Every structure is written in structure tokens, then in C-alpha cells.
PDB file of N, CA and C in Angstrom:
ATOM      1  N   MET A   1      11.733  11.285 -15.039  1.00  0.00           N
ATOM      2  CA  MET A   1      10.666  11.378 -14.061  1.00  0.00           C
ATOM      3  C   MET A   1      10.991  12.500 -13.087  1.00  0.00           C
ATOM      4  N   LYS A   2       9.965  13.204 -12.686  1.00  0.00           N
ATOM      5  CA  LYS A   2      10.130  14.314 -11.747  1.00  0.00           C
ATOM      6  C   LYS A   2       9.391  13.979 -10.459  1.00  0.00           C
ATOM      7  N   ILE A   3      10.141  13.884  -9.368  1.00  0.00           N
ATOM      8  CA  ILE A   3       9.555  13.634  -8.052  1.00  0.00           C
ATOM      9  C   ILE A   3       9.820  14.874  -7.211  1.00  0.00           C
ATOM     10  N   GLU A   4       8.747  15.462  -6.693  1.00  0.00           N
ATOM     11  CA  GLU A   4       8.881  16.726  -5.983  1.00  0.00           C
ATOM     12  C   GLU A   4       8.005  16.745  -4.732  1.00  0.00           C
ATOM     13  N   VAL A   5       8.599  17.187  -3.636  1.00  0.00           N
ATOM     14  CA  VAL A   5       7.853  17.448  -2.415  1.00  0.00           C
ATOM     15  C   VAL A   5       7.713  18.960  -2.323  1.00  0.00           C
ATOM     16  N   ILE A   6       6.478  19.424  -2.178  1.00  0.00           N
ATOM     17  CA  ILE A   6       6.225  20.853  -2.099  1.00  0.00           C
ATOM     18  C   ILE A   6       5.615  21.135  -0.729  1.00  0.00           C
ATOM     19  N   GLY A   7       6.218  22.051  -0.002  1.00  0.00           N
ATOM     20  CA  GLY A   7       5.718  22.340   1.330  1.00  0.00           C
ATOM     21  C   GLY A   7       6.146  23.703   1.821  1.00  0.00           C
ATOM     22  N   SER A   8       5.742  23.988   3.028  1.00  0.00           N
ATOM     23  CA  SER A   8       6.009  25.304   3.607  1.00  0.00           C
ATOM     24  C   SER A   8       7.346  25.372   4.348  1.00  0.00           C
ATOM     25  N   GLY A   9       7.992  24.243   4.498  1.00  0.00           N
ATOM     26  CA  GLY A   9       9.244  24.208   5.245  1.00  0.00           C
ATOM     27  C   GLY A   9       9.058  23.690   6.661  1.00  0.00           C
ATOM     28  N   CYS A  10       7.850  23.226   6.977  1.00  0.00           N
ATOM     29  CA  CYS A  10       7.571  22.709   8.323  1.00  0.00           C
ATOM     30  C   CYS A  10       8.237  21.343   8.521  1.00  0.00           C
ATOM     31  N   LYS A  11       8.186  20.851   9.757  1.00  0.00           N
ATOM     32  CA  LYS A  11       8.803  19.563  10.080  1.00  0.00           C
ATOM     33  C   LYS A  11       8.217  18.425   9.256  1.00  0.00           C
ATOM     34  N   LYS A  12       6.897  18.416   9.104  1.00  0.00           N
ATOM     35  CA  LYS A  12       6.249  17.343   8.350  1.00  0.00           C
ATOM     36  C   LYS A  12       6.680  17.379   6.883  1.00  0.00           C
ATOM     37  N   CYS A  13       6.800  18.571   6.325  1.00  0.00           N
ATOM     38  CA  CYS A  13       7.220  18.718   4.930  1.00  0.00           C
ATOM     39  C   CYS A  13       8.636  18.189   4.731  1.00  0.00           C
ATOM     40  N   LYS A  14       9.523  18.576   5.616  1.00  0.00           N
ATOM     41  CA  LYS A  14      10.921  18.141   5.522  1.00  0.00           C
ATOM     42  C   LYS A  14      11.048  16.637   5.760  1.00  0.00           C
ATOM     43  N   ALA A  15      10.237  16.103   6.673  1.00  0.00           N
ATOM     44  CA  ALA A  15      10.269  14.659   6.939  1.00  0.00           C
ATOM     45  C   ALA A  15       9.791  13.879   5.716  1.00  0.00           C
ATOM     46  N   LEU A  16       8.750  14.378   5.028  1.00  0.00           N
ATOM     47  CA  LEU A  16       8.270  13.720   3.814  1.00  0.00           C
ATOM     48  C   LEU A  16       9.346  13.752   2.739  1.00  0.00           C
ATOM     49  N   PHE A  17      10.045  14.856   2.621  1.00  0.00           N
ATOM     50  CA  PHE A  17      11.126  14.971   1.643  1.00  0.00           C
ATOM     51  C   PHE A  17      12.216  13.934   1.918  1.00  0.00           C
ATOM     52  N   GLU A  18      12.654  13.836   3.159  1.00  0.00           N
ATOM     53  CA  GLU A  18      13.716  12.884   3.513  1.00  0.00           C
ATOM     54  C   GLU A  18      13.250  11.446   3.289  1.00  0.00           C
ATOM     55  N   LEU A  19      12.020  11.135   3.690  1.00  0.00           N
ATOM     56  CA  LEU A  19      11.485   9.789   3.504  1.00  0.00           C
ATOM     57  C   LEU A  19      11.325   9.469   2.019  1.00  0.00           C
ATOM     58  N   THR A  20      10.911  10.440   1.240  1.00  0.00           N
ATOM     59  CA  THR A  20      10.756  10.231  -0.208  1.00  0.00           C
ATOM     60  C   THR A  20      12.101   9.949  -0.854  1.00  0.00           C
ATOM     61  N   LYS A  21      13.143  10.664  -0.448  1.00  0.00           N
ATOM     62  CA  LYS A  21      14.486  10.393  -0.989  1.00  0.00           C
ATOM     63  C   LYS A  21      14.912   8.961  -0.643  1.00  0.00           C
ATOM     64  N   GLU A  22      14.676   8.567   0.601  1.00  0.00           N
ATOM     65  CA  GLU A  22      15.064   7.227   1.053  1.00  0.00           C
ATOM     66  C   GLU A  22      14.311   6.142   0.285  1.00  0.00           C
ATOM     67  N   VAL A  23      13.004   6.298   0.169  1.00  0.00           N
ATOM     68  CA  VAL A  23      12.176   5.311  -0.518  1.00  0.00           C
ATOM     69  C   VAL A  23      12.531   5.253  -2.006  1.00  0.00           C
ATOM     70  N   SER A  24      12.755   6.388  -2.619  1.00  0.00           N
ATOM     71  CA  SER A  24      13.120   6.416  -4.043  1.00  0.00           C
ATOM     72  C   SER A  24      14.412   5.652  -4.283  1.00  0.00           C
ATOM     73  N   SER A  25      15.365   5.851  -3.411  1.00  0.00           N
ATOM     74  CA  SER A  25      16.637   5.134  -3.520  1.00  0.00           C
ATOM     75  C   SER A  25      16.417   3.628  -3.375  1.00  0.00           C
ATOM     76  N   GLU A  26      15.620   3.229  -2.394  1.00  0.00           N
ATOM     77  CA  GLU A  26      15.346   1.807  -2.180  1.00  0.00           C
ATOM     78  C   GLU A  26      14.607   1.181  -3.359  1.00  0.00           C
ATOM     79  N   LEU A  27      13.811   1.967  -4.052  1.00  0.00           N
ATOM     80  CA  LEU A  27      13.086   1.471  -5.221  1.00  0.00           C
ATOM     81  C   LEU A  27      13.947   1.485  -6.486  1.00  0.00           C
ATOM     82  N   GLY A  28      15.178   1.977  -6.372  1.00  0.00           N
ATOM     83  CA  GLY A  28      16.079   2.017  -7.517  1.00  0.00           C
ATOM     84  C   GLY A  28      15.804   3.158  -8.472  1.00  0.00           C
ATOM     85  N   ILE A  29      15.138   4.190  -7.986  1.00  0.00           N
ATOM     86  CA  ILE A  29      14.847   5.364  -8.816  1.00  0.00           C
ATOM     87  C   ILE A  29      16.054   6.287  -8.744  1.00  0.00           C
ATOM     88  N   ASN A  30      16.644   6.567  -9.880  1.00  0.00           N
ATOM     89  CA  ASN A  30      17.857   7.374  -9.912  1.00  0.00           C
ATOM     90  C   ASN A  30      17.596   8.861 -10.073  1.00  0.00           C
ATOM     91  N   ASP A  31      16.346   9.224 -10.334  1.00  0.00           N
ATOM     92  CA  ASP A  31      16.012  10.641 -10.501  1.00  0.00           C
ATOM     93  C   ASP A  31      16.091  11.360  -9.161  1.00  0.00           C
ATOM     94  N   GLU A  32      16.526  12.613  -9.209  1.00  0.00           N
ATOM     95  CA  GLU A  32      16.632  13.422  -8.005  1.00  0.00           C
ATOM     96  C   GLU A  32      15.243  13.762  -7.463  1.00  0.00           C
ATOM     97  N   VAL A  33      15.109  13.705  -6.153  1.00  0.00           N
ATOM     98  CA  VAL A  33      13.892  14.164  -5.491  1.00  0.00           C
ATOM     99  C   VAL A  33      14.097  15.635  -5.157  1.00  0.00           C
ATOM    100  N   ILE A  34      13.169  16.466  -5.579  1.00  0.00           N
ATOM    101  CA  ILE A  34      13.281  17.920  -5.432  1.00  0.00           C
ATOM    102  C   ILE A  34      12.394  18.392  -4.287  1.00  0.00           C
ATOM    103  N   TYR A  35      12.862  19.374  -3.540  1.00  0.00           N
ATOM    104  CA  TYR A  35      12.030  20.012  -2.518  1.00  0.00           C
ATOM    105  C   TYR A  35      11.779  21.451  -2.943  1.00  0.00           C
ATOM    106  N   SER A  36      10.533  21.860  -2.868  1.00  0.00           N
ATOM    107  CA  SER A  36      10.177  23.235  -3.216  1.00  0.00           C
ATOM    108  C   SER A  36       9.291  23.813  -2.120  1.00  0.00           C
ATOM    109  N   ASN A  37       9.521  25.064  -1.799  1.00  0.00           N
ATOM    110  CA  ASN A  37       8.627  25.737  -0.857  1.00  0.00           C
ATOM    111  C   ASN A  37       7.806  26.805  -1.584  1.00  0.00           C
ATOM    112  N   ASP A  38       7.583  26.582  -2.880  1.00  0.00           N
ATOM    113  CA  ASP A  38       6.773  27.483  -3.698  1.00  0.00           C
ATOM    114  C   ASP A  38       5.293  27.136  -3.521  1.00  0.00           C
ATOM    115  N   ILE A  39       4.665  27.789  -2.576  1.00  0.00           N
ATOM    116  CA  ILE A  39       3.271  27.514  -2.261  1.00  0.00           C
ATOM    117  C   ILE A  39       2.361  27.772  -3.467  1.00  0.00           C
ATOM    118  N   ASN A  40       2.782  28.629  -4.382  1.00  0.00           N
ATOM    119  CA  ASN A  40       1.984  28.894  -5.585  1.00  0.00           C
ATOM    120  C   ASN A  40       1.795  27.631  -6.422  1.00  0.00           C
ATOM    121  N   LYS A  41       2.763  26.710  -6.373  1.00  0.00           N
ATOM    122  CA  LYS A  41       2.620  25.441  -7.097  1.00  0.00           C
ATOM    123  C   LYS A  41       1.466  24.634  -6.515  1.00  0.00           C
ATOM    124  N   ILE A  42       1.363  24.641  -5.186  1.00  0.00           N
ATOM    125  CA  ILE A  42       0.287  23.905  -4.531  1.00  0.00           C
ATOM    126  C   ILE A  42      -1.061  24.518  -4.906  1.00  0.00           C
ATOM    127  N   VAL A  43      -1.149  25.829  -4.841  1.00  0.00           N
ATOM    128  CA  VAL A  43      -2.392  26.528  -5.180  1.00  0.00           C
ATOM    129  C   VAL A  43      -2.765  26.265  -6.638  1.00  0.00           C
ATOM    130  N   ALA A  44      -1.778  26.269  -7.533  1.00  0.00           N
ATOM    131  CA  ALA A  44      -2.046  26.021  -8.952  1.00  0.00           C
ATOM    132  C   ALA A  44      -2.616  24.622  -9.183  1.00  0.00           C
ATOM    133  N   MET A  45      -2.294  23.682  -8.286  1.00  0.00           N
ATOM    134  CA  MET A  45      -2.832  22.322  -8.386  1.00  0.00           C
ATOM    135  C   MET A  45      -4.244  22.235  -7.809  1.00  0.00           C
ATOM    136  N   GLY A  46      -4.717  23.336  -7.227  1.00  0.00           N
ATOM    137  CA  GLY A  46      -6.041  23.346  -6.626  1.00  0.00           C
ATOM    138  C   GLY A  46      -6.070  22.753  -5.227  1.00  0.00           C
ATOM    139  N   ILE A  47      -4.905  22.732  -4.589  1.00  0.00           N
ATOM    140  CA  ILE A  47      -4.760  22.144  -3.258  1.00  0.00           C
ATOM    141  C   ILE A  47      -4.485  23.261  -2.258  1.00  0.00           C
ATOM    142  N   MET A  48      -5.029  23.124  -1.072  1.00  0.00           N
ATOM    143  CA  MET A  48      -4.836  24.160  -0.053  1.00  0.00           C
ATOM    144  C   MET A  48      -4.115  23.625   1.186  1.00  0.00           C
ATOM    145  N   GLN A  49      -3.475  22.464   1.087  1.00  0.00           N
ATOM    146  CA  GLN A  49      -2.778  21.874   2.216  1.00  0.00           C
ATOM    147  C   GLN A  49      -1.389  21.438   1.782  1.00  0.00           C
ATOM    148  N   SER A  50      -0.506  21.319   2.750  1.00  0.00           N
ATOM    149  CA  SER A  50       0.827  20.814   2.458  1.00  0.00           C
ATOM    150  C   SER A  50       1.204  19.812   3.538  1.00  0.00           C
ATOM    151  N   PRO A  51       2.169  18.973   3.276  1.00  0.00           N
ATOM    152  CA  PRO A  51       2.970  18.882   2.069  1.00  0.00           C
ATOM    153  C   PRO A  51       2.233  18.157   0.942  1.00  0.00           C
ATOM    154  N   VAL A  52       2.778  18.327  -0.258  1.00  0.00           N
ATOM    155  CA  VAL A  52       2.273  17.645  -1.443  1.00  0.00           C
ATOM    156  C   VAL A  52       3.430  16.863  -2.051  1.00  0.00           C
ATOM    157  N   LEU A  53       3.188  15.601  -2.369  1.00  0.00           N
ATOM    158  CA  LEU A  53       4.145  14.819  -3.137  1.00  0.00           C
ATOM    159  C   LEU A  53       3.599  14.759  -4.549  1.00  0.00           C
ATOM    160  N   ALA A  54       4.377  15.259  -5.491  1.00  0.00           N
ATOM    161  CA  ALA A  54       3.956  15.268  -6.892  1.00  0.00           C
ATOM    162  C   ALA A  54       4.931  14.444  -7.711  1.00  0.00           C
ATOM    163  N   ILE A  55       4.393  13.624  -8.585  1.00  0.00           N
ATOM    164  CA  ILE A  55       5.213  12.861  -9.523  1.00  0.00           C
ATOM    165  C   ILE A  55       4.811  13.306 -10.913  1.00  0.00           C
ATOM    166  N   ASN A  56       5.800  13.812 -11.644  1.00  0.00           N
ATOM    167  CA  ASN A  56       5.550  14.384 -12.972  1.00  0.00           C
ATOM    168  C   ASN A  56       4.447  15.436 -12.920  1.00  0.00           C
ATOM    169  N   ASP A  57       4.539  16.299 -11.911  1.00  0.00           N
ATOM    170  CA  ASP A  57       3.631  17.433 -11.698  1.00  0.00           C
ATOM    171  C   ASP A  57       2.193  17.029 -11.361  1.00  0.00           C
ATOM    172  N   LYS A  58       1.963  15.757 -11.029  1.00  0.00           N
ATOM    173  CA  LYS A  58       0.631  15.295 -10.628  1.00  0.00           C
ATOM    174  C   LYS A  58       0.670  14.987  -9.129  1.00  0.00           C
ATOM    175  N   PRO A  59      -0.199  15.614  -8.335  1.00  0.00           N
ATOM    176  CA  PRO A  59      -0.196  15.332  -6.902  1.00  0.00           C
ATOM    177  C   PRO A  59      -0.647  13.891  -6.628  1.00  0.00           C
ATOM    178  N   VAL A  60       0.162  13.175  -5.844  1.00  0.00           N
ATOM    179  CA  VAL A  60      -0.166  11.788  -5.516  1.00  0.00           C
ATOM    180  C   VAL A  60      -0.355  11.593  -4.004  1.00  0.00           C
ATOM    181  N   LEU A  61       0.009  12.605  -3.224  1.00  0.00           N
ATOM    182  CA  LEU A  61      -0.123  12.547  -1.774  1.00  0.00           C
ATOM    183  C   LEU A  61      -0.266  13.968  -1.255  1.00  0.00           C
ATOM    184  N   VAL A  62      -1.255  14.184  -0.407  1.00  0.00           N
ATOM    185  CA  VAL A  62      -1.519  15.534   0.100  1.00  0.00           C
ATOM    186  C   VAL A  62      -1.683  15.492   1.609  1.00  0.00           C
ATOM    187  N   SER A  63      -0.981  16.380   2.281  1.00  0.00           N
ATOM    188  CA  SER A  63      -1.161  16.679   3.700  1.00  0.00           C
ATOM    189  C   SER A  63      -1.009  15.490   4.630  1.00  0.00           C
ATOM    190  N   MET A  64      -0.068  14.604   4.305  1.00  0.00           N
ATOM    191  CA  MET A  64       0.167  13.498   5.222  1.00  0.00           C
ATOM    192  C   MET A  64       1.607  13.025   5.133  1.00  0.00           C
ATOM    193  N   LEU A  65       2.020  12.342   6.183  1.00  0.00           N
ATOM    194  CA  LEU A  65       3.333  11.721   6.245  1.00  0.00           C
ATOM    195  C   LEU A  65       3.100  10.236   6.480  1.00  0.00           C
ATOM    196  N   PRO A  66       3.042   9.459   5.397  1.00  0.00           N
ATOM    197  CA  PRO A  66       2.754   8.034   5.553  1.00  0.00           C
ATOM    198  C   PRO A  66       3.968   7.278   6.091  1.00  0.00           C
ATOM    199  N   ASP A  67       3.740   6.028   6.484  1.00  0.00           N
ATOM    200  CA  ASP A  67       4.882   5.205   6.858  1.00  0.00           C
ATOM    201  C   ASP A  67       5.607   4.780   5.580  1.00  0.00           C
ATOM    202  N   LYS A  68       6.785   4.202   5.758  1.00  0.00           N
ATOM    203  CA  LYS A  68       7.639   3.877   4.612  1.00  0.00           C
ATOM    204  C   LYS A  68       6.945   2.920   3.639  1.00  0.00           C
ATOM    205  N   LYS A  69       6.286   1.891   4.146  1.00  0.00           N
ATOM    206  CA  LYS A  69       5.638   0.913   3.270  1.00  0.00           C
ATOM    207  C   LYS A  69       4.555   1.575   2.411  1.00  0.00           C
ATOM    208  N   ARG A  70       3.747   2.392   3.017  1.00  0.00           N
ATOM    209  CA  ARG A  70       2.678   3.061   2.259  1.00  0.00           C
ATOM    210  C   ARG A  70       3.259   4.009   1.210  1.00  0.00           C
ATOM    211  N   LEU A  71       4.326   4.728   1.576  1.00  0.00           N
ATOM    212  CA  LEU A  71       4.938   5.638   0.605  1.00  0.00           C
ATOM    213  C   LEU A  71       5.527   4.858  -0.564  1.00  0.00           C
ATOM    214  N   LYS A  72       6.134   3.715  -0.294  1.00  0.00           N
ATOM    215  CA  LYS A  72       6.650   2.868  -1.380  1.00  0.00           C
ATOM    216  C   LYS A  72       5.521   2.465  -2.317  1.00  0.00           C
ATOM    217  N   ASP A  73       4.387   2.070  -1.751  1.00  0.00           N
ATOM    218  CA  ASP A  73       3.231   1.691  -2.569  1.00  0.00           C
ATOM    219  C   ASP A  73       2.764   2.858  -3.428  1.00  0.00           C
ATOM    220  N   ILE A  74       2.667   4.036  -2.833  1.00  0.00           N
ATOM    221  CA  ILE A  74       2.190   5.221  -3.564  1.00  0.00           C
ATOM    222  C   ILE A  74       3.131   5.566  -4.710  1.00  0.00           C
ATOM    223  N   ILE A  75       4.422   5.584  -4.431  1.00  0.00           N
ATOM    224  CA  ILE A  75       5.393   5.920  -5.479  1.00  0.00           C
ATOM    225  C   ILE A  75       5.394   4.851  -6.573  1.00  0.00           C
ATOM    226  N   SER A  76       5.399   3.586  -6.166  1.00  0.00           N
ATOM    227  CA  SER A  76       5.423   2.486  -7.150  1.00  0.00           C
ATOM    228  C   SER A  76       4.238   2.555  -8.102  1.00  0.00           C
ATOM    229  N   LYS A  77       3.072   2.900  -7.591  1.00  0.00           N
ATOM    230  CA  LYS A  77       1.868   2.950  -8.422  1.00  0.00           C
ATOM    231  C   LYS A  77       1.833   4.157  -9.345  1.00  0.00           C
ATOM    232  N   ASN A  78       2.693   5.140  -9.087  1.00  0.00           N
ATOM    233  CA  ASN A  78       2.633   6.390  -9.855  1.00  0.00           C
ATOM    234  C   ASN A  78       3.872   6.661 -10.699  1.00  0.00           C
ATOM    235  N   ILE A  79       4.737   5.664 -10.838  1.00  0.00           N
ATOM    236  CA  ILE A  79       5.912   5.887 -11.694  1.00  0.00           C
ATOM    237  C   ILE A  79       5.742   5.189 -13.016  1.00  0.00           C
TER     238      ILE A  79
END
């Protein structure tokens, strides 16, 4: 499984990355969470906002920093 946070390097992007790593660990996901600042990936997905949380190259969260419970729900439903 590929879990990736794609962003511009802003505070919200980095916070989503850290929260995603934490939530993934709590869910028992052993795959590495990747951070990318390749904005071309976001554009290729047809998205014009960041950050983007993508699971297996499919965007599952765009332009928001949810609380931990909501992020757990989002990841659980998309793995």
C-alpha cells in the first residue's frame, strides 16, 4: 500500500503528514507514509489545492487537516 501526503511544504501540509504517520501507526499499518512536494502530482490528479492525502495514488483527502478520529476513518475506509 502506498500512503502519500503531497503538499507545498506549508505548515498544514507538514501537520497532515505527521498526523498521517501517527494514525497509520495506530491502525497497525506498517507501510511507510511518504511526503512529496511535487505539485505536478497534484495537478495530474486534477486537483488545484493542497495538501492531498493519496492512498495508492487515489486522492482521499484534499485541502484540509482533519482531527485524528476523522483521519482514522478516512484511512480505514480507503485501505
